Amino acid sequence: MLTSKQRAYLRGLANGVPALYQIGKDGITDNLVSMVKDALEARELIKIHVLETAPDTPRNLCDQLAEKVGGEPVQAIGSKITIYKEASENPAIILP
């Protein structure tokens, strides 16, 4: 579980990160989960764009996806969600 200070730090880092993936009408698929796991291992912090055709709200999708990949939901603003997971080897982001 992230503290509010850690979450604020990660939100600041996420400002310059482009959205890597999209969640559309199919919602969270097994393929999306595996791609997000790989991206989190490589980058630790990723941003995902939620399309209007998605089956749920961005906040709920953020929580569901973070649970499936074993990460932490950082934020859900508008149609963008951000997820963090510390890398198992050589973490690049040091949390305060």
N, C-alpha and C. Protein backbone atom coordinates (compact mmCIF):
# COMPACT_ATOMS: atom_id res chain seq x y z
N MET A 1 0.84 -1.18 0.00
CA MET A 1 0.00 0.00 0.00
C MET A 1 0.88 1.24 0.00
N LEU A 2 0.57 2.17 -0.87
CA LEU A 2 1.33 3.40 -0.98
C LEU A 2 0.81 4.45 0.01
N THR A 3 1.74 5.22 0.56
CA THR A 3 1.33 6.33 1.41
C THR A 3 0.96 7.50 0.50
N SER A 4 0.32 8.52 1.06
CA SER A 4 -0.08 9.66 0.25
C SER A 4 1.14 10.41 -0.30
N LYS A 5 2.23 10.44 0.46
CA LYS A 5 3.46 11.09 0.00
C LYS A 5 4.06 10.33 -1.18
N GLN A 6 4.08 9.01 -1.10
CA GLN A 6 4.60 8.20 -2.20
C GLN A 6 3.72 8.33 -3.44
N ARG A 7 2.41 8.34 -3.23
CA ARG A 7 1.47 8.49 -4.34
C ARG A 7 1.66 9.84 -5.04
N ALA A 8 1.85 10.90 -4.25
CA ALA A 8 2.08 12.23 -4.81
C ALA A 8 3.39 12.26 -5.62
N TYR A 9 4.42 11.61 -5.11
CA TYR A 9 5.70 11.53 -5.82
C TYR A 9 5.52 10.81 -7.16
N LEU A 10 4.79 9.70 -7.16
CA LEU A 10 4.56 8.95 -8.38
C LEU A 10 3.70 9.72 -9.38
N ARG A 11 2.73 10.48 -8.88
CA ARG A 11 1.90 11.31 -9.77
C ARG A 11 2.77 12.34 -10.48
N GLY A 12 3.74 12.90 -9.77
CA GLY A 12 4.66 13.86 -10.38
C GLY A 12 5.51 13.22 -11.46
N LEU A 13 5.99 12.02 -11.20
CA LEU A 13 6.78 11.30 -12.20
C LEU A 13 5.95 10.93 -13.43
N ALA A 14 4.67 10.66 -13.22
CA ALA A 14 3.80 10.21 -14.30
C ALA A 14 3.42 11.33 -15.26
N ASN A 15 3.66 12.58 -14.88
CA ASN A 15 3.28 13.70 -15.76
C ASN A 15 3.90 13.59 -17.14
N GLY A 16 5.14 13.20 -17.23
CA GLY A 16 5.83 13.14 -18.51
C GLY A 16 5.74 11.79 -19.21
N VAL A 17 5.04 10.85 -18.63
CA VAL A 17 4.96 9.50 -19.19
C VAL A 17 3.78 9.43 -20.18
N PRO A 18 4.03 8.98 -21.41
CA PRO A 18 2.91 8.83 -22.36
C PRO A 18 2.10 7.57 -22.06
N ALA A 19 0.86 7.55 -22.50
CA ALA A 19 0.01 6.36 -22.32
C ALA A 19 0.50 5.27 -23.27
N LEU A 20 0.75 4.08 -22.73
CA LEU A 20 1.26 2.98 -23.53
C LEU A 20 0.17 2.12 -24.14
N TYR A 21 -0.91 1.92 -23.42
CA TYR A 21 -1.96 1.01 -23.87
C TYR A 21 -3.31 1.69 -23.76
N GLN A 22 -4.32 1.03 -24.35
CA GLN A 22 -5.69 1.51 -24.29
C GLN A 22 -6.59 0.39 -23.80
N ILE A 23 -7.60 0.76 -23.04
CA ILE A 23 -8.64 -0.18 -22.64
C ILE A 23 -9.90 0.24 -23.38
N GLY A 24 -10.43 -0.66 -24.19
CA GLY A 24 -11.59 -0.34 -25.01
C GLY A 24 -12.80 -1.14 -24.61
N LYS A 25 -13.63 -1.46 -25.60
CA LYS A 25 -14.91 -2.13 -25.35
C LYS A 25 -14.76 -3.54 -24.78
N ASP A 26 -13.61 -4.18 -25.01
CA ASP A 26 -13.39 -5.53 -24.48
C ASP A 26 -13.01 -5.51 -23.00
N GLY A 27 -12.68 -4.37 -22.47
CA GLY A 27 -12.30 -4.28 -21.06
C GLY A 27 -10.90 -4.82 -20.81
N ILE A 28 -10.71 -5.44 -19.67
CA ILE A 28 -9.41 -5.99 -19.28
C ILE A 28 -9.32 -7.43 -19.76
N THR A 29 -8.51 -7.66 -20.78
CA THR A 29 -8.35 -8.99 -21.33
C THR A 29 -7.07 -9.63 -20.79
N ASP A 30 -6.93 -10.93 -20.99
CA ASP A 30 -5.72 -11.63 -20.55
C ASP A 30 -4.49 -11.10 -21.28
N ASN A 31 -4.66 -10.76 -22.55
CA ASN A 31 -3.56 -10.22 -23.33
C ASN A 31 -3.10 -8.87 -22.76
N LEU A 32 -4.04 -8.02 -22.40
CA LEU A 32 -3.71 -6.73 -21.81
C LEU A 32 -2.97 -6.92 -20.50
N VAL A 33 -3.44 -7.85 -19.68
CA VAL A 33 -2.80 -8.10 -18.37
C VAL A 33 -1.35 -8.53 -18.56
N SER A 34 -1.08 -9.42 -19.51
CA SER A 34 0.29 -9.88 -19.72
C SER A 34 1.17 -8.75 -20.26
N MET A 35 0.63 -7.91 -21.15
CA MET A 35 1.42 -6.79 -21.67
C MET A 35 1.72 -5.77 -20.57
N VAL A 36 0.75 -5.50 -19.72
CA VAL A 36 0.95 -4.55 -18.63
C VAL A 36 1.96 -5.10 -17.62
N LYS A 37 1.92 -6.39 -17.33
CA LYS A 37 2.91 -6.99 -16.42
C LYS A 37 4.32 -6.80 -16.96
N ASP A 38 4.51 -7.06 -18.26
CA ASP A 38 5.82 -6.89 -18.88
C ASP A 38 6.28 -5.43 -18.84
N ALA A 39 5.35 -4.52 -19.14
CA ALA A 39 5.69 -3.10 -19.13
C ALA A 39 6.03 -2.61 -17.73
N LEU A 40 5.32 -3.09 -16.73
CA LEU A 40 5.60 -2.69 -15.35
C LEU A 40 6.96 -3.21 -14.90
N GLU A 41 7.32 -4.39 -15.33
CA GLU A 41 8.63 -4.94 -14.97
C GLU A 41 9.75 -4.10 -15.59
N ALA A 42 9.51 -3.60 -16.80
CA ALA A 42 10.53 -2.82 -17.48
C ALA A 42 10.57 -1.37 -17.02
N ARG A 43 9.38 -0.76 -16.78
CA ARG A 43 9.31 0.68 -16.51
C ARG A 43 8.90 1.04 -15.09
N GLU A 44 8.19 0.18 -14.40
CA GLU A 44 7.68 0.37 -13.04
C GLU A 44 6.47 1.30 -12.95
N LEU A 45 6.35 2.29 -13.82
CA LEU A 45 5.25 3.25 -13.78
C LEU A 45 4.71 3.40 -15.20
N ILE A 46 3.43 3.04 -15.39
CA ILE A 46 2.85 3.15 -16.72
C ILE A 46 1.51 3.87 -16.67
N LYS A 47 1.16 4.45 -17.80
CA LYS A 47 -0.09 5.17 -17.94
C LYS A 47 -0.90 4.48 -19.04
N ILE A 48 -2.20 4.36 -18.83
CA ILE A 48 -3.09 3.68 -19.78
C ILE A 48 -4.27 4.59 -20.07
N HIS A 49 -4.67 4.65 -21.34
CA HIS A 49 -5.81 5.46 -21.76
C HIS A 49 -7.06 4.58 -21.77
N VAL A 50 -8.14 5.04 -21.15
CA VAL A 50 -9.41 4.32 -21.12
C VAL A 50 -10.35 5.00 -22.12
N LEU A 51 -10.77 4.25 -23.13
CA LEU A 51 -11.66 4.78 -24.15
C LEU A 51 -13.09 4.91 -23.61
N GLU A 52 -13.89 5.72 -24.29
CA GLU A 52 -15.28 5.92 -23.87
C GLU A 52 -16.11 4.65 -23.99
N THR A 53 -15.68 3.73 -24.84
CA THR A 53 -16.43 2.49 -25.04
C THR A 53 -16.12 1.43 -24.00
N ALA A 54 -15.23 1.74 -23.05
CA ALA A 54 -14.86 0.78 -22.01
C ALA A 54 -16.08 0.41 -21.18
N PRO A 55 -16.14 -0.83 -20.68
CA PRO A 55 -17.32 -1.29 -19.96
C PRO A 55 -17.48 -0.76 -18.54
N ASP A 56 -16.48 -0.05 -18.01
CA ASP A 56 -16.55 0.43 -16.62
C ASP A 56 -15.87 1.80 -16.53
N THR A 57 -15.90 2.40 -15.36
CA THR A 57 -15.27 3.69 -15.15
C THR A 57 -13.75 3.54 -15.06
N PRO A 58 -13.00 4.58 -15.40
CA PRO A 58 -11.54 4.48 -15.28
C PRO A 58 -11.07 4.12 -13.88
N ARG A 59 -11.72 4.64 -12.84
CA ARG A 59 -11.31 4.32 -11.46
C ARG A 59 -11.44 2.83 -11.17
N ASN A 60 -12.58 2.24 -11.55
CA ASN A 60 -12.79 0.81 -11.31
C ASN A 60 -11.83 -0.03 -12.14
N LEU A 61 -11.61 0.37 -13.39
CA LEU A 61 -10.68 -0.37 -14.24
C LEU A 61 -9.25 -0.29 -13.70
N CYS A 62 -8.89 0.85 -13.15
CA CYS A 62 -7.56 1.01 -12.56
C CYS A 62 -7.37 0.06 -11.39
N ASP A 63 -8.37 0.00 -10.51
CA ASP A 63 -8.29 -0.90 -9.35
C ASP A 63 -8.25 -2.37 -9.78
N GLN A 64 -9.09 -2.74 -10.75
CA GLN A 64 -9.14 -4.13 -11.22
C GLN A 64 -7.83 -4.54 -11.87
N LEU A 65 -7.30 -3.68 -12.74
CA LEU A 65 -6.06 -4.00 -13.45
C LEU A 65 -4.88 -4.07 -12.49
N ALA A 66 -4.81 -3.14 -11.54
CA ALA A 66 -3.72 -3.14 -10.56
C ALA A 66 -3.75 -4.43 -9.74
N GLU A 67 -4.94 -4.89 -9.39
CA GLU A 67 -5.07 -6.13 -8.63
C GLU A 67 -4.60 -7.33 -9.45
N LYS A 68 -4.95 -7.35 -10.74
CA LYS A 68 -4.59 -8.49 -11.60
C LYS A 68 -3.10 -8.57 -11.88
N VAL A 69 -2.43 -7.41 -11.95
CA VAL A 69 -0.99 -7.42 -12.24
C VAL A 69 -0.14 -7.36 -10.98
N GLY A 70 -0.77 -7.19 -9.83
CA GLY A 70 -0.02 -7.15 -8.58
C GLY A 70 0.63 -5.81 -8.32
N GLY A 71 0.08 -4.75 -8.90
CA GLY A 71 0.63 -3.41 -8.73
C GLY A 71 -0.23 -2.55 -7.83
N GLU A 72 0.10 -1.27 -7.81
CA GLU A 72 -0.63 -0.30 -6.99
C GLU A 72 -1.26 0.75 -7.90
N PRO A 73 -2.55 1.02 -7.73
CA PRO A 73 -3.15 2.11 -8.50
C PRO A 73 -2.64 3.45 -7.98
N VAL A 74 -2.16 4.30 -8.87
CA VAL A 74 -1.63 5.60 -8.46
C VAL A 74 -2.69 6.67 -8.63
N GLN A 75 -3.30 6.73 -9.82
CA GLN A 75 -4.31 7.76 -10.05
C GLN A 75 -5.20 7.38 -11.22
N ALA A 76 -6.37 7.97 -11.24
CA ALA A 76 -7.30 7.86 -12.37
C ALA A 76 -7.88 9.25 -12.58
N ILE A 77 -7.37 9.94 -13.57
CA ILE A 77 -7.81 11.30 -13.86
C ILE A 77 -8.37 11.33 -15.27
N GLY A 78 -9.61 11.72 -15.39
CA GLY A 78 -10.24 11.76 -16.71
C GLY A 78 -10.27 10.37 -17.31
N SER A 79 -9.65 10.22 -18.47
CA SER A 79 -9.63 8.92 -19.13
C SER A 79 -8.26 8.24 -19.03
N LYS A 80 -7.38 8.76 -18.18
CA LYS A 80 -6.05 8.18 -18.00
C LYS A 80 -5.93 7.54 -16.63
N ILE A 81 -5.31 6.35 -16.60
CA ILE A 81 -5.03 5.70 -15.32
C ILE A 81 -3.53 5.45 -15.23
N THR A 82 -3.00 5.44 -14.02
CA THR A 82 -1.58 5.22 -13.80
C THR A 82 -1.42 4.11 -12.76
N ILE A 83 -0.51 3.18 -13.06
CA ILE A 83 -0.26 2.03 -12.18
C ILE A 83 1.24 1.92 -11.92
N TYR A 84 1.59 1.55 -10.69
CA TYR A 84 2.99 1.39 -10.29
C TYR A 84 3.21 -0.01 -9.73
N LYS A 85 4.35 -0.58 -10.06
CA LYS A 85 4.78 -1.83 -9.45
C LYS A 85 6.30 -1.84 -9.43
N GLU A 86 6.88 -2.05 -8.28
CA GLU A 86 8.34 -2.07 -8.16
C GLU A 86 8.90 -3.25 -8.93
N ALA A 87 9.98 -3.00 -9.67
CA ALA A 87 10.63 -4.05 -10.45
C ALA A 87 11.27 -5.07 -9.52
N SER A 88 11.26 -6.33 -9.93
CA SER A 88 11.84 -7.37 -9.08
C SER A 88 13.36 -7.30 -9.08
N GLU A 89 13.94 -6.83 -10.18
CA GLU A 89 15.40 -6.67 -10.26
C GLU A 89 15.73 -5.24 -10.64
N ASN A 90 16.65 -4.64 -9.93
CA ASN A 90 17.12 -3.29 -10.22
C ASN A 90 16.01 -2.25 -10.31
N PRO A 91 15.30 -1.98 -9.23
CA PRO A 91 14.26 -0.94 -9.29
C PRO A 91 14.86 0.42 -9.62
N ALA A 92 14.22 1.14 -10.54
CA ALA A 92 14.71 2.45 -10.97
C ALA A 92 14.09 3.57 -10.15
N ILE A 93 12.88 3.37 -9.65
CA ILE A 93 12.19 4.42 -8.90
C ILE A 93 12.35 4.14 -7.40
N ILE A 94 12.95 5.10 -6.72
CA ILE A 94 13.13 4.98 -5.27
C ILE A 94 12.05 5.85 -4.61
N LEU A 95 11.14 5.22 -3.88
CA LEU A 95 10.05 5.95 -3.24
C LEU A 95 10.54 6.66 -1.98
N PRO A 96 10.00 7.87 -1.72
CA PRO A 96 10.39 8.59 -0.50
C PRO A 96 9.84 7.92 0.75
